[in-house]
Amino acid sequence: METSGETSLSVIATIVVKLVSTHGAGDEFIGVLAAELLWGRGIEAALGKAN
């Protein structure tokens, strides 16, 4: 995210889970992120939901 020529950094909290498999994790993340952005959510809200 860039504002006025300066770079901004945001931290998004994670949820601790027991890992079983990573198959499809990237697909799910990108799918939710894309859907949230298409629904007009901001990048931080969309990343929080996708996470």
Foldseek 3Di string as FASTA:
>chain_A
DDDPNDDDDDDADDDDDDDDDCVCLVVQLVVQLVVCVVVPHDNNVSNNVSD
